[in-house]
Amino acid sequence: MANDTTRDDFHQALLRLTKDRSPSVRANASVSLDRFKDPAGRESVLEMLTAPNATPDQQWEALRALRVIGTGQDLPLTTRFAASPEARVRDAAKDATQGIKDRM
C-alpha cells in the first residue's frame, strides 16, 4: 500500500491501521503513511512511545519506526530511551538516534 501513494483508499486503510492492537502493525502503518507525506504516521509512533502505559514492545516498535521516519525534533526522545532498563529498547533507541542523524 505504501508504494502507491496516489490511492486514497490505501491512505485511509493505513490511517485505520495506526489504531490496530498490534504494535508492529501500528508502527508499519505509520512508516507507510510517511510515504504519503502524512504527519499522522509520525504522530502515531510518538503516541506509542510516550503513552503512560506503553509496553517495551510498543516502545521497541515505535523506536524502530522512528529510525526510518523520525526527525531531528525526535532526538531528545530517542536519546531518553537509550537509558531504558530494557536492552532491546536501548538498542532500538540508539539505532533510531543514528538513523535520524544519518538523514540530517
PDB file of N, CA and C in Angstrom:
ATOM      1  N   MET A   1       0.816  -1.201   0.000  1.00  0.00           N
ATOM      2  CA  MET A   1       0.000   0.000   0.000  1.00  0.00           C
ATOM      3  C   MET A   1       0.857   1.262   0.000  1.00  0.00           C
ATOM      4  N   ALA A   2       1.991   1.208   0.642  1.00  0.00           N
ATOM      5  CA  ALA A   2       2.828   2.397   0.743  1.00  0.00           C
ATOM      6  C   ALA A   2       3.500   2.744  -0.581  1.00  0.00           C
ATOM      7  N   ASN A   3       3.550   1.780  -1.483  1.00  0.00           N
ATOM      8  CA  ASN A   3       4.232   2.033  -2.746  1.00  0.00           C
ATOM      9  C   ASN A   3       3.383   2.798  -3.745  1.00  0.00           C
ATOM     10  N   ASP A   4       2.086   2.873  -3.519  1.00  0.00           N
ATOM     11  CA  ASP A   4       1.208   3.617  -4.415  1.00  0.00           C
ATOM     12  C   ASP A   4       0.545   4.741  -3.623  1.00  0.00           C
ATOM     13  N   THR A   5       1.216   5.852  -3.577  1.00  0.00           N
ATOM     14  CA  THR A   5       0.734   6.981  -2.774  1.00  0.00           C
ATOM     15  C   THR A   5      -0.349   7.795  -3.474  1.00  0.00           C
ATOM     16  N   THR A   6      -0.807   7.328  -4.629  1.00  0.00           N
ATOM     17  CA  THR A   6      -1.877   8.025  -5.329  1.00  0.00           C
ATOM     18  C   THR A   6      -3.249   7.502  -4.907  1.00  0.00           C
ATOM     19  N   ARG A   7      -3.286   6.400  -4.192  1.00  0.00           N
ATOM     20  CA  ARG A   7      -4.549   5.752  -3.843  1.00  0.00           C
ATOM     21  C   ARG A   7      -5.047   6.198  -2.472  1.00  0.00           C
ATOM     22  N   ASP A   8      -6.147   6.930  -2.484  1.00  0.00           N
ATOM     23  CA  ASP A   8      -6.711   7.398  -1.218  1.00  0.00           C
ATOM     24  C   ASP A   8      -7.225   6.242  -0.368  1.00  0.00           C
ATOM     25  N   ASP A   9      -7.708   5.177  -1.008  1.00  0.00           N
ATOM     26  CA  ASP A   9      -8.198   4.040  -0.223  1.00  0.00           C
ATOM     27  C   ASP A   9      -7.055   3.385   0.550  1.00  0.00           C
ATOM     28  N   PHE A  10      -5.852   3.340  -0.018  1.00  0.00           N
ATOM     29  CA  PHE A  10      -4.690   2.825   0.698  1.00  0.00           C
ATOM     30  C   PHE A  10      -4.358   3.748   1.872  1.00  0.00           C
ATOM     31  N   HIS A  11      -4.387   5.040   1.597  1.00  0.00           N
ATOM     32  CA  HIS A  11      -4.093   6.025   2.627  1.00  0.00           C
ATOM     33  C   HIS A  11      -5.060   5.862   3.802  1.00  0.00           C
ATOM     34  N   GLN A  12      -6.325   5.756   3.507  1.00  0.00           N
ATOM     35  CA  GLN A  12      -7.337   5.615   4.561  1.00  0.00           C
ATOM     36  C   GLN A  12      -7.158   4.306   5.335  1.00  0.00           C
ATOM     37  N   ALA A  13      -6.820   3.235   4.639  1.00  0.00           N
ATOM     38  CA  ALA A  13      -6.592   1.948   5.310  1.00  0.00           C
ATOM     39  C   ALA A  13      -5.400   2.040   6.260  1.00  0.00           C
ATOM     40  N   LEU A  14      -4.349   2.710   5.833  1.00  0.00           N
ATOM     41  CA  LEU A  14      -3.173   2.878   6.699  1.00  0.00           C
ATOM     42  C   LEU A  14      -3.517   3.711   7.926  1.00  0.00           C
ATOM     43  N   LEU A  15      -4.315   4.734   7.752  1.00  0.00           N
ATOM     44  CA  LEU A  15      -4.743   5.531   8.899  1.00  0.00           C
ATOM     45  C   LEU A  15      -5.489   4.664   9.912  1.00  0.00           C
ATOM     46  N   ARG A  16      -6.347   3.791   9.427  1.00  0.00           N
ATOM     47  CA  ARG A  16      -7.070   2.891  10.339  1.00  0.00           C
ATOM     48  C   ARG A  16      -6.104   1.940  11.042  1.00  0.00           C
ATOM     49  N   LEU A  17      -5.091   1.483  10.332  1.00  0.00           N
ATOM     50  CA  LEU A  17      -4.138   0.532  10.909  1.00  0.00           C
ATOM     51  C   LEU A  17      -3.280   1.151  12.013  1.00  0.00           C
ATOM     52  N   THR A  18      -3.192   2.476  12.058  1.00  0.00           N
ATOM     53  CA  THR A  18      -2.439   3.093  13.155  1.00  0.00           C
ATOM     54  C   THR A  18      -3.159   2.939  14.492  1.00  0.00           C
ATOM     55  N   LYS A  19      -4.380   2.436  14.461  1.00  0.00           N
ATOM     56  CA  LYS A  19      -5.158   2.180  15.691  1.00  0.00           C
ATOM     57  C   LYS A  19      -5.242   0.684  16.009  1.00  0.00           C
ATOM     58  N   ASP A  20      -4.553  -0.139  15.244  1.00  0.00           N
ATOM     59  CA  ASP A  20      -4.587  -1.585  15.453  1.00  0.00           C
ATOM     60  C   ASP A  20      -4.051  -1.951  16.838  1.00  0.00           C
ATOM     61  N   ARG A  21      -4.462  -3.081  17.345  1.00  0.00           N
ATOM     62  CA  ARG A  21      -3.993  -3.536  18.659  1.00  0.00           C
ATOM     63  C   ARG A  21      -2.524  -3.957  18.630  1.00  0.00           C
ATOM     64  N   SER A  22      -2.052  -4.393  17.499  1.00  0.00           N
ATOM     65  CA  SER A  22      -0.680  -4.884  17.389  1.00  0.00           C
ATOM     66  C   SER A  22       0.302  -3.720  17.207  1.00  0.00           C
ATOM     67  N   PRO A  23       1.298  -3.604  18.096  1.00  0.00           N
ATOM     68  CA  PRO A  23       2.281  -2.530  17.949  1.00  0.00           C
ATOM     69  C   PRO A  23       3.035  -2.593  16.619  1.00  0.00           C
ATOM     70  N   SER A  24       3.320  -3.798  16.132  1.00  0.00           N
ATOM     71  CA  SER A  24       4.058  -3.892  14.867  1.00  0.00           C
ATOM     72  C   SER A  24       3.208  -3.415  13.696  1.00  0.00           C
ATOM     73  N   VAL A  25       1.915  -3.711  13.715  1.00  0.00           N
ATOM     74  CA  VAL A  25       1.017  -3.240  12.651  1.00  0.00           C
ATOM     75  C   VAL A  25       0.950  -1.716  12.693  1.00  0.00           C
ATOM     76  N   ARG A  26       0.780  -1.148  13.893  1.00  0.00           N
ATOM     77  CA  ARG A  26       0.711   0.315  14.024  1.00  0.00           C
ATOM     78  C   ARG A  26       1.999   0.973  13.524  1.00  0.00           C
ATOM     79  N   ALA A  27       3.133   0.425  13.922  1.00  0.00           N
ATOM     80  CA  ALA A  27       4.412   1.019  13.525  1.00  0.00           C
ATOM     81  C   ALA A  27       4.615   0.925  12.013  1.00  0.00           C
ATOM     82  N   ASN A  28       4.309  -0.222  11.435  1.00  0.00           N
ATOM     83  CA  ASN A  28       4.483  -0.380   9.990  1.00  0.00           C
ATOM     84  C   ASN A  28       3.538   0.523   9.214  1.00  0.00           C
ATOM     85  N   ALA A  29       2.311   0.651   9.683  1.00  0.00           N
ATOM     86  CA  ALA A  29       1.371   1.567   9.018  1.00  0.00           C
ATOM     87  C   ALA A  29       1.871   3.002   9.119  1.00  0.00           C
ATOM     88  N   SER A  30       2.434   3.344  10.243  1.00  0.00           N
ATOM     89  CA  SER A  30       2.957   4.700  10.441  1.00  0.00           C
ATOM     90  C   SER A  30       4.097   5.005   9.485  1.00  0.00           C
ATOM     91  N   VAL A  31       4.991   4.057   9.313  1.00  0.00           N
ATOM     92  CA  VAL A  31       6.101   4.247   8.368  1.00  0.00           C
ATOM     93  C   VAL A  31       5.543   4.412   6.955  1.00  0.00           C
ATOM     94  N   SER A  32       4.555   3.611   6.610  1.00  0.00           N
ATOM     95  CA  SER A  32       3.956   3.716   5.281  1.00  0.00           C
ATOM     96  C   SER A  32       3.258   5.057   5.080  1.00  0.00           C
ATOM     97  N   LEU A  33       2.611   5.569   6.115  1.00  0.00           N
ATOM     98  CA  LEU A  33       1.959   6.879   5.996  1.00  0.00           C
ATOM     99  C   LEU A  33       2.967   7.983   5.712  1.00  0.00           C
ATOM    100  N   ASP A  34       4.173   7.817   6.177  1.00  0.00           N
ATOM    101  CA  ASP A  34       5.201   8.816   5.907  1.00  0.00           C
ATOM    102  C   ASP A  34       5.431   8.961   4.403  1.00  0.00           C
ATOM    103  N   ARG A  35       5.273   7.884   3.667  1.00  0.00           N
ATOM    104  CA  ARG A  35       5.431   7.951   2.210  1.00  0.00           C
ATOM    105  C   ARG A  35       4.308   8.755   1.563  1.00  0.00           C
ATOM    106  N   PHE A  36       3.185   8.845   2.252  1.00  0.00           N
ATOM    107  CA  PHE A  36       2.074   9.677   1.787  1.00  0.00           C
ATOM    108  C   PHE A  36       2.263  11.130   2.218  1.00  0.00           C
ATOM    109  N   LYS A  37       3.356  11.404   2.890  1.00  0.00           N
ATOM    110  CA  LYS A  37       3.633  12.745   3.438  1.00  0.00           C
ATOM    111  C   LYS A  37       2.578  13.143   4.464  1.00  0.00           C
ATOM    112  N   ASP A  38       2.071  12.137   5.178  1.00  0.00           N
ATOM    113  CA  ASP A  38       1.037  12.366   6.183  1.00  0.00           C
ATOM    114  C   ASP A  38       1.685  12.358   7.568  1.00  0.00           C
ATOM    115  N   PRO A  39       1.630  13.473   8.289  1.00  0.00           N
ATOM    116  CA  PRO A  39       2.241  13.534   9.616  1.00  0.00           C
ATOM    117  C   PRO A  39       1.560  12.625  10.641  1.00  0.00           C
ATOM    118  N   ALA A  40       0.405  12.074  10.309  1.00  0.00           N
ATOM    119  CA  ALA A  40      -0.295  11.184  11.239  1.00  0.00           C
ATOM    120  C   ALA A  40       0.542   9.953  11.561  1.00  0.00           C
ATOM    121  N   GLY A  41       1.382   9.535  10.640  1.00  0.00           N
ATOM    122  CA  GLY A  41       2.234   8.376  10.898  1.00  0.00           C
ATOM    123  C   GLY A  41       3.223   8.644  12.020  1.00  0.00           C
ATOM    124  N   ARG A  42       3.936   9.735  11.917  1.00  0.00           N
ATOM    125  CA  ARG A  42       4.906  10.087  12.958  1.00  0.00           C
ATOM    126  C   ARG A  42       4.196  10.355  14.280  1.00  0.00           C
ATOM    127  N   GLU A  43       3.051  11.016  14.220  1.00  0.00           N
ATOM    128  CA  GLU A  43       2.289  11.295  15.436  1.00  0.00           C
ATOM    129  C   GLU A  43       1.869  10.000  16.125  1.00  0.00           C
ATOM    130  N   SER A  44       1.457   9.014  15.351  1.00  0.00           N
ATOM    131  CA  SER A  44       1.056   7.727  15.908  1.00  0.00           C
ATOM    132  C   SER A  44       2.229   7.044  16.609  1.00  0.00           C
ATOM    133  N   VAL A  45       3.392   7.103  15.987  1.00  0.00           N
ATOM    134  CA  VAL A  45       4.585   6.494  16.576  1.00  0.00           C
ATOM    135  C   VAL A  45       4.954   7.204  17.880  1.00  0.00           C
ATOM    136  N   LEU A  46       4.869   8.518  17.881  1.00  0.00           N
ATOM    137  CA  LEU A  46       5.192   9.263  19.106  1.00  0.00           C
ATOM    138  C   LEU A  46       4.205   8.941  20.218  1.00  0.00           C
ATOM    139  N   GLU A  47       2.942   8.754  19.866  1.00  0.00           N
ATOM    140  CA  GLU A  47       1.942   8.350  20.866  1.00  0.00           C
ATOM    141  C   GLU A  47       2.281   6.979  21.442  1.00  0.00           C
ATOM    142  N   MET A  48       2.671   6.048  20.570  1.00  0.00           N
ATOM    143  CA  MET A  48       3.042   4.709  21.033  1.00  0.00           C
ATOM    144  C   MET A  48       4.206   4.780  22.014  1.00  0.00           C
ATOM    145  N   LEU A  49       5.141   5.626  21.714  1.00  0.00           N
ATOM    146  CA  LEU A  49       6.361   5.702  22.506  1.00  0.00           C
ATOM    147  C   LEU A  49       6.150   6.383  23.845  1.00  0.00           C
ATOM    148  N   THR A  50       5.302   7.381  23.879  1.00  0.00           N
ATOM    149  CA  THR A  50       5.176   8.202  25.084  1.00  0.00           C
ATOM    150  C   THR A  50       3.919   7.923  25.905  1.00  0.00           C
ATOM    151  N   ALA A  51       3.110   6.983  25.490  1.00  0.00           N
ATOM    152  CA  ALA A  51       1.903   6.655  26.254  1.00  0.00           C
ATOM    153  C   ALA A  51       2.292   6.233  27.674  1.00  0.00           C
ATOM    154  N   PRO A  52       1.543   6.674  28.670  1.00  0.00           N
ATOM    155  CA  PRO A  52       1.883   6.335  30.056  1.00  0.00           C
ATOM    156  C   PRO A  52       1.955   4.827  30.312  1.00  0.00           C
ATOM    157  N   ASN A  53       1.174   4.063  29.576  1.00  0.00           N
ATOM    158  CA  ASN A  53       1.151   2.618  29.774  1.00  0.00           C
ATOM    159  C   ASN A  53       1.866   1.866  28.647  1.00  0.00           C
ATOM    160  N   ALA A  54       2.785   2.523  27.967  1.00  0.00           N
ATOM    161  CA  ALA A  54       3.496   1.898  26.842  1.00  0.00           C
ATOM    162  C   ALA A  54       4.310   0.708  27.331  1.00  0.00           C
ATOM    163  N   THR A  55       4.164  -0.388  26.641  1.00  0.00           N
ATOM    164  CA  THR A  55       4.930  -1.588  26.965  1.00  0.00           C
ATOM    165  C   THR A  55       6.283  -1.529  26.272  1.00  0.00           C
ATOM    166  N   PRO A  56       7.239  -2.323  26.720  1.00  0.00           N
ATOM    167  CA  PRO A  56       8.515  -2.382  25.998  1.00  0.00           C
ATOM    168  C   PRO A  56       8.342  -2.759  24.528  1.00  0.00           C
ATOM    169  N   ASP A  57       7.363  -3.623  24.212  1.00  0.00           N
ATOM    170  CA  ASP A  57       7.110  -3.969  22.804  1.00  0.00           C
ATOM    171  C   ASP A  57       6.681  -2.741  22.005  1.00  0.00           C
ATOM    172  N   GLN A  58       5.787  -1.939  22.583  1.00  0.00           N
ATOM    173  CA  GLN A  58       5.354  -0.717  21.903  1.00  0.00           C
ATOM    174  C   GLN A  58       6.525   0.247  21.734  1.00  0.00           C
ATOM    175  N   GLN A  59       7.308   0.400  22.760  1.00  0.00           N
ATOM    176  CA  GLN A  59       8.469   1.298  22.689  1.00  0.00           C
ATOM    177  C   GLN A  59       9.443   0.832  21.621  1.00  0.00           C
ATOM    178  N   TRP A  60       9.709  -0.469  21.606  1.00  0.00           N
ATOM    179  CA  TRP A  60      10.650  -1.014  20.628  1.00  0.00           C
ATOM    180  C   TRP A  60      10.144  -0.779  19.201  1.00  0.00           C
ATOM    181  N   GLU A  61       8.865  -1.077  18.965  1.00  0.00           N
ATOM    182  CA  GLU A  61       8.292  -0.874  17.626  1.00  0.00           C
ATOM    183  C   GLU A  61       8.304   0.598  17.237  1.00  0.00           C
ATOM    184  N   ALA A  62       7.966   1.462  18.164  1.00  0.00           N
ATOM    185  CA  ALA A  62       7.951   2.900  17.874  1.00  0.00           C
ATOM    186  C   ALA A  62       9.354   3.401  17.550  1.00  0.00           C
ATOM    187  N   LEU A  63      10.326   2.975  18.303  1.00  0.00           N
ATOM    188  CA  LEU A  63      11.709   3.402  18.040  1.00  0.00           C
ATOM    189  C   LEU A  63      12.202   2.848  16.707  1.00  0.00           C
ATOM    190  N   ARG A  64      11.804   1.627  16.402  1.00  0.00           N
ATOM    191  CA  ARG A  64      12.172   1.037  15.113  1.00  0.00           C
ATOM    192  C   ARG A  64      11.608   1.884  13.978  1.00  0.00           C
ATOM    193  N   ALA A  65      10.378   2.364  14.141  1.00  0.00           N
ATOM    194  CA  ALA A  65       9.771   3.218  13.123  1.00  0.00           C
ATOM    195  C   ALA A  65      10.449   4.578  13.055  1.00  0.00           C
ATOM    196  N   LEU A  66      10.796   5.141  14.206  1.00  0.00           N
ATOM    197  CA  LEU A  66      11.465   6.449  14.205  1.00  0.00           C
ATOM    198  C   LEU A  66      12.828   6.396  13.527  1.00  0.00           C
ATOM    199  N   ARG A  67      13.450   5.238  13.556  1.00  0.00           N
ATOM    200  CA  ARG A  67      14.722   5.099  12.841  1.00  0.00           C
ATOM    201  C   ARG A  67      14.543   5.452  11.370  1.00  0.00           C
ATOM    202  N   VAL A  68      13.353   5.188  10.838  1.00  0.00           N
ATOM    203  CA  VAL A  68      13.061   5.417   9.422  1.00  0.00           C
ATOM    204  C   VAL A  68      12.405   6.773   9.176  1.00  0.00           C
ATOM    205  N   ILE A  69      11.497   7.202  10.062  1.00  0.00           N
ATOM    206  CA  ILE A  69      10.708   8.406   9.782  1.00  0.00           C
ATOM    207  C   ILE A  69      10.920   9.534  10.786  1.00  0.00           C
ATOM    208  N   GLY A  70      11.738   9.307  11.791  1.00  0.00           N
ATOM    209  CA  GLY A  70      11.949  10.333  12.803  1.00  0.00           C
ATOM    210  C   GLY A  70      12.638  11.564  12.246  1.00  0.00           C
ATOM    211  N   THR A  71      12.489  12.666  12.970  1.00  0.00           N
ATOM    212  CA  THR A  71      13.110  13.933  12.575  1.00  0.00           C
ATOM    213  C   THR A  71      14.052  14.389  13.689  1.00  0.00           C
ATOM    214  N   GLY A  72      14.772  15.429  13.416  1.00  0.00           N
ATOM    215  CA  GLY A  72      15.662  15.994  14.428  1.00  0.00           C
ATOM    216  C   GLY A  72      14.930  16.358  15.710  1.00  0.00           C
ATOM    217  N   GLN A  73      13.650  16.693  15.604  1.00  0.00           N
ATOM    218  CA  GLN A  73      12.854  17.009  16.789  1.00  0.00           C
ATOM    219  C   GLN A  73      12.706  15.810  17.716  1.00  0.00           C
ATOM    220  N   ASP A  74      12.891  14.616  17.183  1.00  0.00           N
ATOM    221  CA  ASP A  74      12.708  13.397  17.971  1.00  0.00           C
ATOM    222  C   ASP A  74      13.975  12.962  18.709  1.00  0.00           C
ATOM    223  N   LEU A  75      15.094  13.604  18.428  1.00  0.00           N
ATOM    224  CA  LEU A  75      16.349  13.179  19.042  1.00  0.00           C
ATOM    225  C   LEU A  75      16.346  13.217  20.572  1.00  0.00           C
ATOM    226  N   PRO A  76      15.786  14.245  21.206  1.00  0.00           N
ATOM    227  CA  PRO A  76      15.755  14.197  22.678  1.00  0.00           C
ATOM    228  C   PRO A  76      14.982  12.983  23.208  1.00  0.00           C
ATOM    229  N   LEU A  77      13.934  12.613  22.509  1.00  0.00           N
ATOM    230  CA  LEU A  77      13.128  11.476  22.926  1.00  0.00           C
ATOM    231  C   LEU A  77      13.887  10.159  22.718  1.00  0.00           C
ATOM    232  N   THR A  78      14.485   9.989  21.559  1.00  0.00           N
ATOM    233  CA  THR A  78      15.225   8.743  21.323  1.00  0.00           C
ATOM    234  C   THR A  78      16.410   8.636  22.274  1.00  0.00           C
ATOM    235  N   THR A  79      17.040   9.746  22.556  1.00  0.00           N
ATOM    236  CA  THR A  79      18.165   9.750  23.487  1.00  0.00           C
ATOM    237  C   THR A  79      17.703   9.349  24.885  1.00  0.00           C
ATOM    238  N   ARG A  80      16.539   9.815  25.280  1.00  0.00           N
ATOM    239  CA  ARG A  80      15.998   9.461  26.595  1.00  0.00           C
ATOM    240  C   ARG A  80      15.803   7.951  26.731  1.00  0.00           C
ATOM    241  N   PHE A  81      15.348   7.302  25.664  1.00  0.00           N
ATOM    242  CA  PHE A  81      15.110   5.862  25.717  1.00  0.00           C
ATOM    243  C   PHE A  81      16.402   5.047  25.631  1.00  0.00           C
ATOM    244  N   ALA A  82      17.506   5.701  25.330  1.00  0.00           N
ATOM    245  CA  ALA A  82      18.796   4.998  25.319  1.00  0.00           C
ATOM    246  C   ALA A  82      19.199   4.567  26.729  1.00  0.00           C
ATOM    247  N   ALA A  83      18.495   5.058  27.738  1.00  0.00           N
ATOM    248  CA  ALA A  83      18.763   4.675  29.128  1.00  0.00           C
ATOM    249  C   ALA A  83      17.696   3.717  29.664  1.00  0.00           C
ATOM    250  N   SER A  84      16.902   3.131  28.794  1.00  0.00           N
ATOM    251  CA  SER A  84      15.838   2.215  29.210  1.00  0.00           C
ATOM    252  C   SER A  84      16.420   0.997  29.941  1.00  0.00           C
ATOM    253  N   PRO A  85      15.689   0.473  30.910  1.00  0.00           N
ATOM    254  CA  PRO A  85      16.145  -0.758  31.559  1.00  0.00           C
ATOM    255  C   PRO A  85      16.050  -1.981  30.633  1.00  0.00           C
ATOM    256  N   GLU A  86      15.302  -1.860  29.539  1.00  0.00           N
ATOM    257  CA  GLU A  86      15.145  -2.950  28.577  1.00  0.00           C
ATOM    258  C   GLU A  86      16.234  -2.866  27.512  1.00  0.00           C
ATOM    259  N   ALA A  87      17.041  -3.908  27.387  1.00  0.00           N
ATOM    260  CA  ALA A  87      18.173  -3.895  26.450  1.00  0.00           C
ATOM    261  C   ALA A  87      17.731  -3.658  25.012  1.00  0.00           C
ATOM    262  N   ARG A  88      16.670  -4.314  24.577  1.00  0.00           N
ATOM    263  CA  ARG A  88      16.280  -4.138  23.166  1.00  0.00           C
ATOM    264  C   ARG A  88      15.711  -2.742  22.915  1.00  0.00           C
ATOM    265  N   VAL A  89      15.090  -2.131  23.924  1.00  0.00           N
ATOM    266  CA  VAL A  89      14.622  -0.750  23.784  1.00  0.00           C
ATOM    267  C   VAL A  89      15.825   0.185  23.712  1.00  0.00           C
ATOM    268  N   ARG A  90      16.809  -0.045  24.553  1.00  0.00           N
ATOM    269  CA  ARG A  90      18.042   0.775  24.498  1.00  0.00           C
ATOM    270  C   ARG A  90      18.678   0.676  23.119  1.00  0.00           C
ATOM    271  N   ASP A  91      18.802  -0.549  22.614  1.00  0.00           N
ATOM    272  CA  ASP A  91      19.413  -0.745  21.296  1.00  0.00           C
ATOM    273  C   ASP A  91      18.601  -0.062  20.201  1.00  0.00           C
ATOM    274  N   ALA A  92      17.277  -0.182  20.279  1.00  0.00           N
ATOM    275  CA  ALA A  92      16.417   0.461  19.277  1.00  0.00           C
ATOM    276  C   ALA A  92      16.533   1.975  19.356  1.00  0.00           C
ATOM    277  N   ALA A  93      16.663   2.501  20.572  1.00  0.00           N
ATOM    278  CA  ALA A  93      16.810   3.952  20.740  1.00  0.00           C
ATOM    279  C   ALA A  93      18.116   4.430  20.112  1.00  0.00           C
ATOM    280  N   LYS A  94      19.168   3.682  20.316  1.00  0.00           N
ATOM    281  CA  LYS A  94      20.458   4.058  19.715  1.00  0.00           C
ATOM    282  C   LYS A  94      20.386   3.990  18.199  1.00  0.00           C
ATOM    283  N   ASP A  95      19.744   2.932  17.672  1.00  0.00           N
ATOM    284  CA  ASP A  95      19.585   2.813  16.219  1.00  0.00           C
ATOM    285  C   ASP A  95      18.721   3.944  15.666  1.00  0.00           C
ATOM    286  N   ALA A  96      17.651   4.292  16.383  1.00  0.00           N
ATOM    287  CA  ALA A  96      16.774   5.382  15.939  1.00  0.00           C
ATOM    288  C   ALA A  96      17.537   6.702  15.917  1.00  0.00           C
ATOM    289  N   THR A  97      18.292   6.948  16.963  1.00  0.00           N
ATOM    290  CA  THR A  97      19.082   8.174  17.025  1.00  0.00           C
ATOM    291  C   THR A  97      20.042   8.250  15.842  1.00  0.00           C
ATOM    292  N   GLN A  98      20.730   7.146  15.584  1.00  0.00           N
ATOM    293  CA  GLN A  98      21.686   7.136  14.479  1.00  0.00           C
ATOM    294  C   GLN A  98      20.983   7.284  13.140  1.00  0.00           C
ATOM    295  N   GLY A  99      19.848   6.610  12.957  1.00  0.00           N
ATOM    296  CA  GLY A  99      19.090   6.710  11.696  1.00  0.00           C
ATOM    297  C   GLY A  99      18.640   8.135  11.421  1.00  0.00           C
ATOM    298  N   ILE A 100      18.182   8.809  12.471  1.00  0.00           N
ATOM    299  CA  ILE A 100      17.753  10.203  12.305  1.00  0.00           C
ATOM    300  C   ILE A 100      18.942  11.071  11.963  1.00  0.00           C
ATOM    301  N   LYS A 101      20.031  10.902  12.674  1.00  0.00           N
ATOM    302  CA  LYS A 101      21.231  11.714  12.412  1.00  0.00           C
ATOM    303  C   LYS A 101      21.752  11.477  11.000  1.00  0.00           C
ATOM    304  N   ASP A 102      21.690  10.243  10.526  1.00  0.00           N
ATOM    305  CA  ASP A 102      22.168   9.914   9.185  1.00  0.00           C
ATOM    306  C   ASP A 102      21.356  10.633   8.103  1.00  0.00           C
ATOM    307  N   ARG A 103      20.094  10.931   8.377  1.00  0.00           N
ATOM    308  CA  ARG A 103      19.253  11.620   7.393  1.00  0.00           C
ATOM    309  C   ARG A 103      19.334  13.137   7.493  1.00  0.00           C
ATOM    310  N   MET A 104      20.001  13.634   8.479  1.00  0.00           N
ATOM    311  CA  MET A 104      20.077  15.105   8.663  1.00  0.00           C
ATOM    312  C   MET A 104      21.115  15.711   7.746  1.00  0.00           C
TER     313      MET A 104
END
